[in-house]
PDB file of N, CA and C in Angstrom:
ATOM      1  N   MET A   1     -11.479  33.548  11.532  1.00  0.00           N
ATOM      2  CA  MET A   1     -11.794  32.309  10.094  1.00  0.00           C
ATOM      3  C   MET A   1     -10.921  31.609   9.955  1.00  0.00           C
ATOM      4  N   ARG A   2     -10.927  31.010   9.353  1.00  0.00           N
ATOM      5  CA  ARG A   2     -10.236  29.983   8.884  1.00  0.00           C
ATOM      6  C   ARG A   2      -9.756  29.237   7.487  1.00  0.00           C
ATOM      7  N   PHE A   3      -9.526  29.656   6.421  1.00  0.00           N
ATOM      8  CA  PHE A   3      -9.509  29.074   4.871  1.00  0.00           C
ATOM      9  C   PHE A   3      -9.846  27.710   4.813  1.00  0.00           C
ATOM     10  N   ARG A   4     -10.127  26.979   4.611  1.00  0.00           N
ATOM     11  CA  ARG A   4     -10.336  25.700   4.296  1.00  0.00           C
ATOM     12  C   ARG A   4      -9.855  24.861   2.748  1.00  0.00           C
ATOM     13  N   THR A   5      -8.859  25.228   2.494  1.00  0.00           N
ATOM     14  CA  THR A   5      -8.887  24.611   0.986  1.00  0.00           C
ATOM     15  C   THR A   5     -10.057  23.204   0.599  1.00  0.00           C
ATOM     16  N   GLU A   6     -10.690  23.107  -0.399  1.00  0.00           N
ATOM     17  CA  GLU A   6     -11.320  21.949  -1.481  1.00  0.00           C
ATOM     18  C   GLU A   6     -10.048  20.289  -0.544  1.00  0.00           C
ATOM     19  N   ASP A   7      -8.757  20.103  -0.473  1.00  0.00           N
ATOM     20  CA  ASP A   7      -8.603  18.495  -0.343  1.00  0.00           C
ATOM     21  C   ASP A   7      -8.846  18.914   1.376  1.00  0.00           C
ATOM     22  N   SER A   8      -8.803  20.055   1.993  1.00  0.00           N
ATOM     23  CA  SER A   8      -9.130  19.811   3.581  1.00  0.00           C
ATOM     24  C   SER A   8     -10.819  19.195   3.834  1.00  0.00           C
ATOM     25  N   ARG A   9     -11.761  19.718   2.922  1.00  0.00           N
ATOM     26  CA  ARG A   9     -12.858  19.658   2.954  1.00  0.00           C
ATOM     27  C   ARG A   9     -13.006  17.975   2.159  1.00  0.00           C
ATOM     28  N   LEU A  10     -12.339  17.393   1.763  1.00  0.00           N
ATOM     29  CA  LEU A  10     -12.709  16.295   1.047  1.00  0.00           C
ATOM     30  C   LEU A  10     -11.576  15.097   2.157  1.00  0.00           C
ATOM     31  N   ARG A  11     -11.105  15.969   3.026  1.00  0.00           N
ATOM     32  CA  ARG A  11     -10.526  14.607   4.017  1.00  0.00           C
ATOM     33  C   ARG A  11     -10.578  14.564   4.827  1.00  0.00           C
ATOM     34  N   ARG A  12     -12.126  15.737   5.113  1.00  0.00           N
ATOM     35  CA  ARG A  12     -12.659  15.774   6.995  1.00  0.00           C
ATOM     36  C   ARG A  12     -14.199  14.417   5.689  1.00  0.00           C
ATOM     37  N   LEU A  13     -14.549  15.582   4.879  1.00  0.00           N
ATOM     38  CA  LEU A  13     -15.495  13.901   4.689  1.00  0.00           C
ATOM     39  C   LEU A  13     -15.477  12.887   4.537  1.00  0.00           C
ATOM     40  N   GLU A  14     -14.417  12.183   3.430  1.00  0.00           N
ATOM     41  CA  GLU A  14     -14.030  11.108   4.031  1.00  0.00           C
ATOM     42  C   GLU A  14     -13.909   9.946   5.640  1.00  0.00           C
ATOM     43  N   ALA A  15     -13.335  10.905   6.179  1.00  0.00           N
ATOM     44  CA  ALA A  15     -12.673  10.486   7.454  1.00  0.00           C
ATOM     45  C   ALA A  15     -14.608  10.361   8.297  1.00  0.00           C
ATOM     46  N   ALA A  16     -15.307  11.164   8.466  1.00  0.00           N
ATOM     47  CA  ALA A  16     -16.525  11.504   8.497  1.00  0.00           C
ATOM     48  C   ALA A  16     -17.504   9.980   8.269  1.00  0.00           C
ATOM     49  N   LEU A  17     -17.283   9.992   6.297  1.00  0.00           N
ATOM     50  CA  LEU A  17     -17.894   8.934   5.977  1.00  0.00           C
ATOM     51  C   LEU A  17     -17.539   7.682   5.799  1.00  0.00           C
ATOM     52  N   ALA A  18     -16.036   7.662   6.360  1.00  0.00           N
ATOM     53  CA  ALA A  18     -15.588   6.090   7.308  1.00  0.00           C
ATOM     54  C   ALA A  18     -15.668   6.194   8.634  1.00  0.00           C
ATOM     55  N   GLU A  19     -16.133   6.690   8.908  1.00  0.00           N
ATOM     56  CA  GLU A  19     -16.252   6.169  10.856  1.00  0.00           C
ATOM     57  C   GLU A  19     -17.052   4.940  10.939  1.00  0.00           C
ATOM     58  N   GLY A  20     -16.154   4.370  11.339  1.00  0.00           N
ATOM     59  CA  GLY A  20     -17.290   2.910  11.723  1.00  0.00           C
ATOM     60  C   GLY A  20     -17.210   2.209  11.016  1.00  0.00           C
ATOM     61  N   THR A  21     -16.232   2.339   9.918  1.00  0.00           N
ATOM     62  CA  THR A  21     -15.708   1.354   9.128  1.00  0.00           C
ATOM     63  C   THR A  21     -14.571   0.853   9.411  1.00  0.00           C
ATOM     64  N   ILE A  22     -14.924  -0.591   8.047  1.00  0.00           N
ATOM     65  CA  ILE A  22     -13.657  -1.037   7.799  1.00  0.00           C
ATOM     66  C   ILE A  22     -13.050  -1.103   6.153  1.00  0.00           C
ATOM     67  N   SER A  23     -12.056  -0.360   6.284  1.00  0.00           N
ATOM     68  CA  SER A  23     -11.439   0.007   4.682  1.00  0.00           C
ATOM     69  C   SER A  23     -10.984  -1.417   4.248  1.00  0.00           C
ATOM     70  N   SER A  24     -11.002  -1.675   2.783  1.00  0.00           N
ATOM     71  CA  SER A  24     -10.948  -2.776   2.283  1.00  0.00           C
ATOM     72  C   SER A  24     -10.218  -2.580   0.560  1.00  0.00           C
ATOM     73  N   THR A  25     -10.340  -3.394  -0.278  1.00  0.00           N
ATOM     74  CA  THR A  25     -10.379  -3.553  -1.356  1.00  0.00           C
ATOM     75  C   THR A  25     -10.847  -4.709  -2.077  1.00  0.00           C
ATOM     76  N   ASP A  26     -11.524  -4.075  -3.425  1.00  0.00           N
ATOM     77  CA  ASP A  26     -12.590  -5.467  -4.414  1.00  0.00           C
ATOM     78  C   ASP A  26     -10.825  -6.323  -5.072  1.00  0.00           C
ATOM     79  N   GLU A  27     -11.829  -6.487  -5.946  1.00  0.00           N
ATOM     80  CA  GLU A  27     -11.490  -7.504  -7.165  1.00  0.00           C
ATOM     81  C   GLU A  27     -10.626  -6.019  -7.970  1.00  0.00           C
ATOM     82  N   ASN A  28     -10.869  -4.988  -7.768  1.00  0.00           N
ATOM     83  CA  ASN A  28      -9.777  -4.252  -9.062  1.00  0.00           C
ATOM     84  C   ASN A  28      -9.404  -3.063  -8.262  1.00  0.00           C
ATOM     85  N   GLY A  29      -9.122  -2.765  -6.906  1.00  0.00           N
ATOM     86  CA  GLY A  29      -8.113  -2.841  -6.372  1.00  0.00           C
ATOM     87  C   GLY A  29      -9.157  -1.338  -5.813  1.00  0.00           C
ATOM     88  N   GLU A  30     -10.498  -1.255  -5.501  1.00  0.00           N
ATOM     89  CA  GLU A  30     -11.489   0.074  -5.433  1.00  0.00           C
ATOM     90  C   GLU A  30     -11.293  -0.362  -3.882  1.00  0.00           C
ATOM     91  N   VAL A  31     -10.921   1.091  -3.363  1.00  0.00           N
ATOM     92  CA  VAL A  31     -11.923   1.303  -2.305  1.00  0.00           C
ATOM     93  C   VAL A  31     -13.147   0.563  -1.381  1.00  0.00           C
ATOM     94  N   VAL A  32     -12.944  -0.243  -0.669  1.00  0.00           N
ATOM     95  CA  VAL A  32     -15.013  -0.318  -0.530  1.00  0.00           C
ATOM     96  C   VAL A  32     -14.870  -0.493   1.270  1.00  0.00           C
ATOM     97  N   ARG A  33     -15.614  -0.325   2.127  1.00  0.00           N
ATOM     98  CA  ARG A  33     -16.069   0.242   3.489  1.00  0.00           C
ATOM     99  C   ARG A  33     -17.136  -1.020   4.132  1.00  0.00           C
ATOM    100  N   LEU A  34     -16.491  -2.005   4.743  1.00  0.00           N
ATOM    101  CA  LEU A  34     -17.316  -2.963   5.352  1.00  0.00           C
ATOM    102  C   LEU A  34     -18.111  -2.284   6.825  1.00  0.00           C
ATOM    103  N   THR A  35     -19.113  -2.878   7.341  1.00  0.00           N
ATOM    104  CA  THR A  35     -19.497  -2.251   7.818  1.00  0.00           C
ATOM    105  C   THR A  35     -20.058  -3.412   9.097  1.00  0.00           C
ATOM    106  N   GLY A  36     -19.713  -3.313  10.992  1.00  0.00           N
ATOM    107  CA  GLY A  36     -19.635  -4.507  11.352  1.00  0.00           C
ATOM    108  C   GLY A  36     -18.782  -4.816  11.688  1.00  0.00           C
ATOM    109  N   SER A  37     -18.723  -5.941  12.234  1.00  0.00           N
ATOM    110  CA  SER A  37     -17.202  -6.690  13.112  1.00  0.00           C
ATOM    111  C   SER A  37     -16.886  -7.761  12.015  1.00  0.00           C
ATOM    112  N   GLY A  38     -18.255  -8.174  11.380  1.00  0.00           N
ATOM    113  CA  GLY A  38     -18.571  -9.078  10.773  1.00  0.00           C
ATOM    114  C   GLY A  38     -18.645 -10.572  11.030  1.00  0.00           C
ATOM    115  N   LEU A  39     -19.366 -11.110  12.142  1.00  0.00           N
ATOM    116  CA  LEU A  39     -20.025 -11.257  13.033  1.00  0.00           C
ATOM    117  C   LEU A  39     -20.726 -13.044  12.024  1.00  0.00           C
ATOM    118  N   GLN A  40     -21.505 -11.999  11.115  1.00  0.00           N
ATOM    119  CA  GLN A  40     -22.704 -12.787  10.637  1.00  0.00           C
ATOM    120  C   GLN A  40     -22.151 -13.406   9.472  1.00  0.00           C
ATOM    121  N   LEU A  41     -20.817 -12.616   8.780  1.00  0.00           N
ATOM    122  CA  LEU A  41     -20.354 -13.781   8.073  1.00  0.00           C
ATOM    123  C   LEU A  41     -19.964 -14.823   8.001  1.00  0.00           C
ATOM    124  N   GLY A  42     -18.963 -14.762  10.253  1.00  0.00           N
ATOM    125  CA  GLY A  42     -18.134 -15.494  10.756  1.00  0.00           C
ATOM    126  C   GLY A  42     -19.164 -16.947  11.250  1.00  0.00           C
ATOM    127  N   PHE A  43     -20.013 -16.589  11.218  1.00  0.00           N
ATOM    128  CA  PHE A  43     -21.786 -17.744  11.707  1.00  0.00           C
ATOM    129  C   PHE A  43     -21.484 -18.229  10.693  1.00  0.00           C
ATOM    130  N   GLU A  44     -22.080 -17.505   9.208  1.00  0.00           N
ATOM    131  CA  GLU A  44     -22.278 -18.153   8.511  1.00  0.00           C
ATOM    132  C   GLU A  44     -21.223 -19.291   7.632  1.00  0.00           C
ATOM    133  N   LEU A  45     -20.219 -19.008   7.747  1.00  0.00           N
ATOM    134  CA  LEU A  45     -19.273 -19.629   7.871  1.00  0.00           C
ATOM    135  C   LEU A  45     -18.792 -21.110   7.900  1.00  0.00           C
ATOM    136  N   LEU A  46     -19.084 -21.014  10.009  1.00  0.00           N
ATOM    137  CA  LEU A  46     -19.049 -21.860  10.781  1.00  0.00           C
ATOM    138  C   LEU A  46     -20.726 -22.584   9.910  1.00  0.00           C
ATOM    139  N   ARG A  47     -21.196 -22.056   9.794  1.00  0.00           N
ATOM    140  CA  ARG A  47     -22.702 -23.093   9.369  1.00  0.00           C
ATOM    141  C   ARG A  47     -21.842 -23.683   8.275  1.00  0.00           C
ATOM    142  N   ILE A  48     -21.469 -23.027   7.292  1.00  0.00           N
ATOM    143  CA  ILE A  48     -20.870 -23.911   6.145  1.00  0.00           C
ATOM    144  C   ILE A  48     -20.356 -25.191   6.443  1.00  0.00           C
ATOM    145  N   ALA A  49     -18.874 -24.788   6.925  1.00  0.00           N
ATOM    146  CA  ALA A  49     -18.472 -25.852   7.856  1.00  0.00           C
ATOM    147  C   ALA A  49     -19.080 -26.427   8.686  1.00  0.00           C
ATOM    148  N   ASP A  50     -20.100 -26.868   9.397  1.00  0.00           N
ATOM    149  CA  ASP A  50     -20.476 -27.965  10.314  1.00  0.00           C
ATOM    150  C   ASP A  50     -21.592 -28.959   9.408  1.00  0.00           C
ATOM    151  N   GLU A  51     -22.015 -28.266   8.173  1.00  0.00           N
ATOM    152  CA  GLU A  51     -23.364 -28.349   6.838  1.00  0.00           C
ATOM    153  C   GLU A  51     -21.508 -30.113   6.640  1.00  0.00           C
ATOM    154  N   ALA A  52     -20.900 -28.865   6.463  1.00  0.00           N
ATOM    155  CA  ALA A  52     -19.992 -29.886   5.222  1.00  0.00           C
ATOM    156  C   ALA A  52     -19.115 -31.132   5.901  1.00  0.00           C
ATOM    157  N   GLY A  53     -18.856 -30.903   7.897  1.00  0.00           N
ATOM    158  CA  GLY A  53     -18.585 -31.648   8.414  1.00  0.00           C
ATOM    159  C   GLY A  53     -17.087 -31.125   8.376  1.00  0.00           C
ATOM    160  N   GLU A  54     -16.396 -29.699   8.604  1.00  0.00           N
ATOM    161  CA  GLU A  54     -14.955 -29.723   8.369  1.00  0.00           C
ATOM    162  C   GLU A  54     -15.226 -29.161   9.731  1.00  0.00           C
ATOM    163  N   THR A  55     -13.947 -28.368   9.986  1.00  0.00           N
ATOM    164  CA  THR A  55     -14.133 -27.334  10.077  1.00  0.00           C
ATOM    165  C   THR A  55     -14.239 -25.652   9.238  1.00  0.00           C
ATOM    166  N   ALA A  56     -14.396 -24.887  10.111  1.00  0.00           N
ATOM    167  CA  ALA A  56     -14.645 -23.468   9.185  1.00  0.00           C
ATOM    168  C   ALA A  56     -12.618 -23.206   8.346  1.00  0.00           C
ATOM    169  N   PHE A  57     -12.151 -23.165   8.745  1.00  0.00           N
ATOM    170  CA  PHE A  57     -10.544 -23.117   8.488  1.00  0.00           C
ATOM    171  C   PHE A  57      -9.970 -23.924   7.360  1.00  0.00           C
ATOM    172  N   ASP A  58     -11.242 -25.259   7.185  1.00  0.00           N
ATOM    173  CA  ASP A  58     -11.101 -26.321   6.615  1.00  0.00           C
ATOM    174  C   ASP A  58     -11.540 -25.503   5.058  1.00  0.00           C
ATOM    175  N   LEU A  59     -12.470 -24.859   4.943  1.00  0.00           N
ATOM    176  CA  LEU A  59     -13.722 -24.667   3.409  1.00  0.00           C
ATOM    177  C   LEU A  59     -12.797 -24.087   2.496  1.00  0.00           C
ATOM    178  N   ARG A  60     -12.769 -24.010   1.463  1.00  0.00           N
ATOM    179  CA  ARG A  60     -12.356 -23.346   0.298  1.00  0.00           C
ATOM    180  C   ARG A  60     -13.254 -22.504  -0.356  1.00  0.00           C
ATOM    181  N   PRO A  61     -12.831 -21.342  -0.749  1.00  0.00           N
ATOM    182  CA  PRO A  61     -13.416 -20.722  -1.254  1.00  0.00           C
ATOM    183  C   PRO A  61     -14.853 -21.144  -2.807  1.00  0.00           C
ATOM    184  N   SER A  62     -13.944 -21.890  -3.518  1.00  0.00           N
ATOM    185  CA  SER A  62     -15.003 -23.007  -4.160  1.00  0.00           C
ATOM    186  C   SER A  62     -16.390 -23.205  -2.825  1.00  0.00           C
ATOM    187  N   ASP A  63     -16.210 -23.443  -1.918  1.00  0.00           N
ATOM    188  CA  ASP A  63     -17.255 -24.011  -0.712  1.00  0.00           C
ATOM    189  C   ASP A  63     -18.474 -23.264  -0.593  1.00  0.00           C
ATOM    190  N   LEU A  64     -17.613 -22.562  -1.103  1.00  0.00           N
ATOM    191  CA  LEU A  64     -19.058 -20.781  -0.750  1.00  0.00           C
ATOM    192  C   LEU A  64     -19.726 -20.366  -1.707  1.00  0.00           C
ATOM    193  N   PRO A  65     -20.643 -19.667  -1.482  1.00  0.00           N
ATOM    194  CA  PRO A  65     -21.966 -19.528  -2.859  1.00  0.00           C
ATOM    195  C   PRO A  65     -20.974 -18.160  -3.057  1.00  0.00           C
ATOM    196  N   ASP A  66     -21.144 -17.041  -4.359  1.00  0.00           N
ATOM    197  CA  ASP A  66     -20.898 -16.327  -5.033  1.00  0.00           C
ATOM    198  C   ASP A  66     -20.587 -15.374  -4.274  1.00  0.00           C
ATOM    199  N   ASP A  67     -21.515 -15.158  -3.708  1.00  0.00           N
ATOM    200  CA  ASP A  67     -21.747 -14.015  -2.476  1.00  0.00           C
ATOM    201  C   ASP A  67     -20.869 -13.550  -1.065  1.00  0.00           C
ATOM    202  N   MET A  68     -20.851 -15.017  -0.661  1.00  0.00           N
ATOM    203  CA  MET A  68     -20.692 -15.185   0.306  1.00  0.00           C
ATOM    204  C   MET A  68     -18.925 -15.966  -0.379  1.00  0.00           C
ATOM    205  N   ARG A  69     -18.355 -15.415  -1.304  1.00  0.00           N
ATOM    206  CA  ARG A  69     -17.435 -15.363  -1.465  1.00  0.00           C
ATOM    207  C   ARG A  69     -16.332 -14.116  -1.825  1.00  0.00           C
ATOM    208  N   ARG A  70     -17.279 -13.269  -2.125  1.00  0.00           N
ATOM    209  CA  ARG A  70     -17.010 -11.770  -2.300  1.00  0.00           C
ATOM    210  C   ARG A  70     -16.481 -11.453  -1.172  1.00  0.00           C
ATOM    211  N   GLU A  71     -17.727 -11.893  -0.097  1.00  0.00           N
ATOM    212  CA  GLU A  71     -17.741 -10.849   1.337  1.00  0.00           C
ATOM    213  C   GLU A  71     -16.249 -11.801   1.555  1.00  0.00           C
ATOM    214  N   ALA A  72     -15.983 -12.319   1.896  1.00  0.00           N
ATOM    215  CA  ALA A  72     -15.108 -13.603   2.890  1.00  0.00           C
ATOM    216  C   ALA A  72     -13.564 -13.050   1.994  1.00  0.00           C
ATOM    217  N   ALA A  73     -13.265 -12.244   0.766  1.00  0.00           N
ATOM    218  CA  ALA A  73     -12.458 -11.438  -0.145  1.00  0.00           C
ATOM    219  C   ALA A  73     -11.952 -10.406   0.819  1.00  0.00           C
ATOM    220  N   LEU A  74     -13.282 -10.038   0.646  1.00  0.00           N
ATOM    221  CA  LEU A  74     -13.237  -8.223   1.005  1.00  0.00           C
ATOM    222  C   LEU A  74     -12.566  -8.344   2.460  1.00  0.00           C
ATOM    223  N   TRP A  75     -12.946  -9.195   3.547  1.00  0.00           N
ATOM    224  CA  TRP A  75     -13.140  -9.189   5.012  1.00  0.00           C
ATOM    225  C   TRP A  75     -11.378 -10.224   4.734  1.00  0.00           C
ATOM    226  N   SER A  76     -10.118 -10.594   3.827  1.00  0.00           N
ATOM    227  CA  SER A  76      -9.091 -11.122   3.954  1.00  0.00           C
ATOM    228  C   SER A  76      -8.298 -10.485   3.478  1.00  0.00           C
ATOM    229  N   ARG A  77      -8.540  -9.321   3.159  1.00  0.00           N
ATOM    230  CA  ARG A  77      -8.366  -7.667   2.474  1.00  0.00           C
ATOM    231  C   ARG A  77      -8.094  -7.150   3.390  1.00  0.00           C
ATOM    232  N   ALA A  78      -9.235  -6.717   4.504  1.00  0.00           N
ATOM    233  CA  ALA A  78      -9.366  -5.662   5.153  1.00  0.00           C
ATOM    234  C   ALA A  78      -8.478  -5.259   5.850  1.00  0.00           C
ATOM    235  N   GLU A  79      -8.529  -3.576   6.478  1.00  0.00           N
ATOM    236  CA  GLU A  79      -6.780  -3.051   7.148  1.00  0.00           C
ATOM    237  C   GLU A  79      -8.208  -3.147   8.558  1.00  0.00           C
ATOM    238  N   VAL A  80      -8.057  -4.310   9.185  1.00  0.00           N
ATOM    239  CA  VAL A  80      -8.746  -4.549  10.590  1.00  0.00           C
ATOM    240  C   VAL A  80      -7.438  -3.665  11.460  1.00  0.00           C
ATOM    241  N   ARG A  81      -7.777  -3.281  12.389  1.00  0.00           N
ATOM    242  CA  ARG A  81      -6.934  -2.471  13.549  1.00  0.00           C
ATOM    243  C   ARG A  81      -7.542  -2.808  14.872  1.00  0.00           C
ATOM    244  N   GLU A  82      -6.786  -2.709  15.215  1.00  0.00           N
ATOM    245  CA  GLU A  82      -7.070  -3.022  17.406  1.00  0.00           C
ATOM    246  C   GLU A  82      -8.151  -2.419  17.706  1.00  0.00           C
ATOM    247  N   GLU A  83      -8.860  -0.957  17.254  1.00  0.00           N
ATOM    248  CA  GLU A  83     -10.077  -0.319  17.707  1.00  0.00           C
ATOM    249  C   GLU A  83     -10.924  -1.157  17.372  1.00  0.00           C
ATOM    250  N   HIS A  84     -11.280  -2.055  15.535  1.00  0.00           N
ATOM    251  CA  HIS A  84     -12.492  -2.684  15.473  1.00  0.00           C
ATOM    252  C   HIS A  84     -12.575  -4.191  16.328  1.00  0.00           C
ATOM    253  N   GLY A  85     -11.869  -4.247  16.906  1.00  0.00           N
ATOM    254  CA  GLY A  85     -12.384  -5.261  18.188  1.00  0.00           C
ATOM    255  C   GLY A  85     -11.724  -7.525  17.717  1.00  0.00           C
ATOM    256  N   THR A  86     -11.483  -8.150  18.638  1.00  0.00           N
ATOM    257  CA  THR A  86     -11.258  -9.075  18.551  1.00  0.00           C
ATOM    258  C   THR A  86     -11.782  -9.860  17.147  1.00  0.00           C
ATOM    259  N   ALA A  87     -13.587  -9.607  17.080  1.00  0.00           N
ATOM    260  CA  ALA A  87     -13.989 -10.860  16.208  1.00  0.00           C
ATOM    261  C   ALA A  87     -13.772  -9.830  14.685  1.00  0.00           C
ATOM    262  N   ALA A  88     -13.785  -8.558  14.809  1.00  0.00           N
ATOM    263  CA  ALA A  88     -13.361  -8.595  13.827  1.00  0.00           C
ATOM    264  C   ALA A  88     -12.179  -8.846  13.039  1.00  0.00           C
ATOM    265  N   LYS A  89     -11.333  -9.210  14.164  1.00  0.00           N
ATOM    266  CA  LYS A  89      -9.905  -9.416  13.560  1.00  0.00           C
ATOM    267  C   LYS A  89      -9.738 -11.086  13.450  1.00  0.00           C
ATOM    268  N   ALA A  90     -11.014 -11.672  13.937  1.00  0.00           N
ATOM    269  CA  ALA A  90     -10.811 -13.828  13.921  1.00  0.00           C
ATOM    270  C   ALA A  90     -11.955 -14.084  13.018  1.00  0.00           C
ATOM    271  N   VAL A  91     -12.607 -12.730  12.429  1.00  0.00           N
ATOM    272  CA  VAL A  91     -13.993 -12.813  10.996  1.00  0.00           C
ATOM    273  C   VAL A  91     -12.556 -12.930  10.005  1.00  0.00           C
ATOM    274  N   GLN A  92     -11.995 -12.104  10.105  1.00  0.00           N
ATOM    275  CA  GLN A  92     -10.670 -11.952   8.784  1.00  0.00           C
ATOM    276  C   GLN A  92      -9.711 -12.748   8.573  1.00  0.00           C
ATOM    277  N   GLU A  93      -8.738 -13.536  10.122  1.00  0.00           N
ATOM    278  CA  GLU A  93      -7.130 -14.762   9.952  1.00  0.00           C
ATOM    279  C   GLU A  93      -8.474 -15.258   9.281  1.00  0.00           C
ATOM    280  N   LEU A  94     -10.221 -16.443   9.968  1.00  0.00           N
ATOM    281  CA  LEU A  94     -11.018 -16.962   9.350  1.00  0.00           C
ATOM    282  C   LEU A  94     -10.871 -16.844   7.465  1.00  0.00           C
ATOM    283  N   CYS A  95     -11.267 -15.470   7.205  1.00  0.00           N
ATOM    284  CA  CYS A  95     -11.459 -15.566   5.158  1.00  0.00           C
ATOM    285  C   CYS A  95      -9.689 -15.826   4.647  1.00  0.00           C
ATOM    286  N   ARG A  96      -8.810 -14.848   5.172  1.00  0.00           N
ATOM    287  CA  ARG A  96      -7.582 -15.273   5.185  1.00  0.00           C
ATOM    288  C   ARG A  96      -7.299 -16.886   4.845  1.00  0.00           C
ATOM    289  N   ALA A  97      -7.778 -17.428   5.857  1.00  0.00           N
ATOM    290  CA  ALA A  97      -7.455 -19.346   6.092  1.00  0.00           C
ATOM    291  C   ALA A  97      -8.223 -19.527   4.764  1.00  0.00           C
ATOM    292  N   ILE A  98      -9.603 -19.276   4.622  1.00  0.00           N
ATOM    293  CA  ILE A  98     -10.638 -20.132   3.423  1.00  0.00           C
ATOM    294  C   ILE A  98     -10.138 -19.190   2.122  1.00  0.00           C
ATOM    295  N   THR A  99      -9.550 -18.335   2.285  1.00  0.00           N
ATOM    296  CA  THR A  99      -9.322 -17.716   0.573  1.00  0.00           C
ATOM    297  C   THR A  99      -8.065 -18.436   0.739  1.00  0.00           C
ATOM    298  N   GLN A 100      -6.945 -18.848   0.831  1.00  0.00           N
ATOM    299  CA  GLN A 100      -5.852 -19.492   1.008  1.00  0.00           C
ATOM    300  C   GLN A 100      -5.454 -21.027   0.609  1.00  0.00           C
ATOM    301  N   ASN A 101      -7.036 -21.550   1.139  1.00  0.00           N
ATOM    302  CA  ASN A 101      -7.252 -22.993   0.813  1.00  0.00           C
ATOM    303  C   ASN A 101      -7.590 -22.890  -0.723  1.00  0.00           C
ATOM    304  N   ASP A 102      -6.667 -23.501  -2.174  1.00  0.00           N
ATOM    305  CA  ASP A 102      -7.548 -23.830  -2.897  1.00  0.00           C
ATOM    306  C   ASP A 102      -6.833 -24.548  -3.631  1.00  0.00           C
ATOM    307  N   GLY A 103      -6.246 -25.645  -3.338  1.00  0.00           N
ATOM    308  CA  GLY A 103      -5.909 -26.854  -3.174  1.00  0.00           C
ATOM    309  C   GLY A 103      -7.409 -27.527  -3.383  1.00  0.00           C
ATOM    310  N   GLU A 104      -6.637 -29.074  -3.767  1.00  0.00           N
ATOM    311  CA  GLU A 104      -8.039 -30.096  -3.134  1.00  0.00           C
ATOM    312  C   GLU A 104      -7.234 -30.464  -2.359  1.00  0.00           C
ATOM    313  N   ARG A 105      -8.744 -31.491  -1.262  1.00  0.00           N
ATOM    314  CA  ARG A 105      -9.196 -32.134  -0.896  1.00  0.00           C
ATOM    315  C   ARG A 105      -8.232 -33.562  -0.606  1.00  0.00           C
TER     316      ARG A 105
END
């Protein structure tokens, strides 16, 4: 029987908990796990842009409700990898563009 240290058990537990999630960081630098591909957020951003007569890449953080602004910020900092799929990458790119749009129109 193989002896497992507390460190190795914690690493295995963290890996099991993180399975199927995407790591990000909140505004305080704390690790946050995102679930799903972000498509729901992406569609909501497209809807807001459409209602404003803009493209989604032209949205600014101030155009979004607080909860959506926080979620977009999390997705902009997410550690999206190839195995997460193209949808997650597209949502991340959109969220990065939005969070970097902070000037006036």
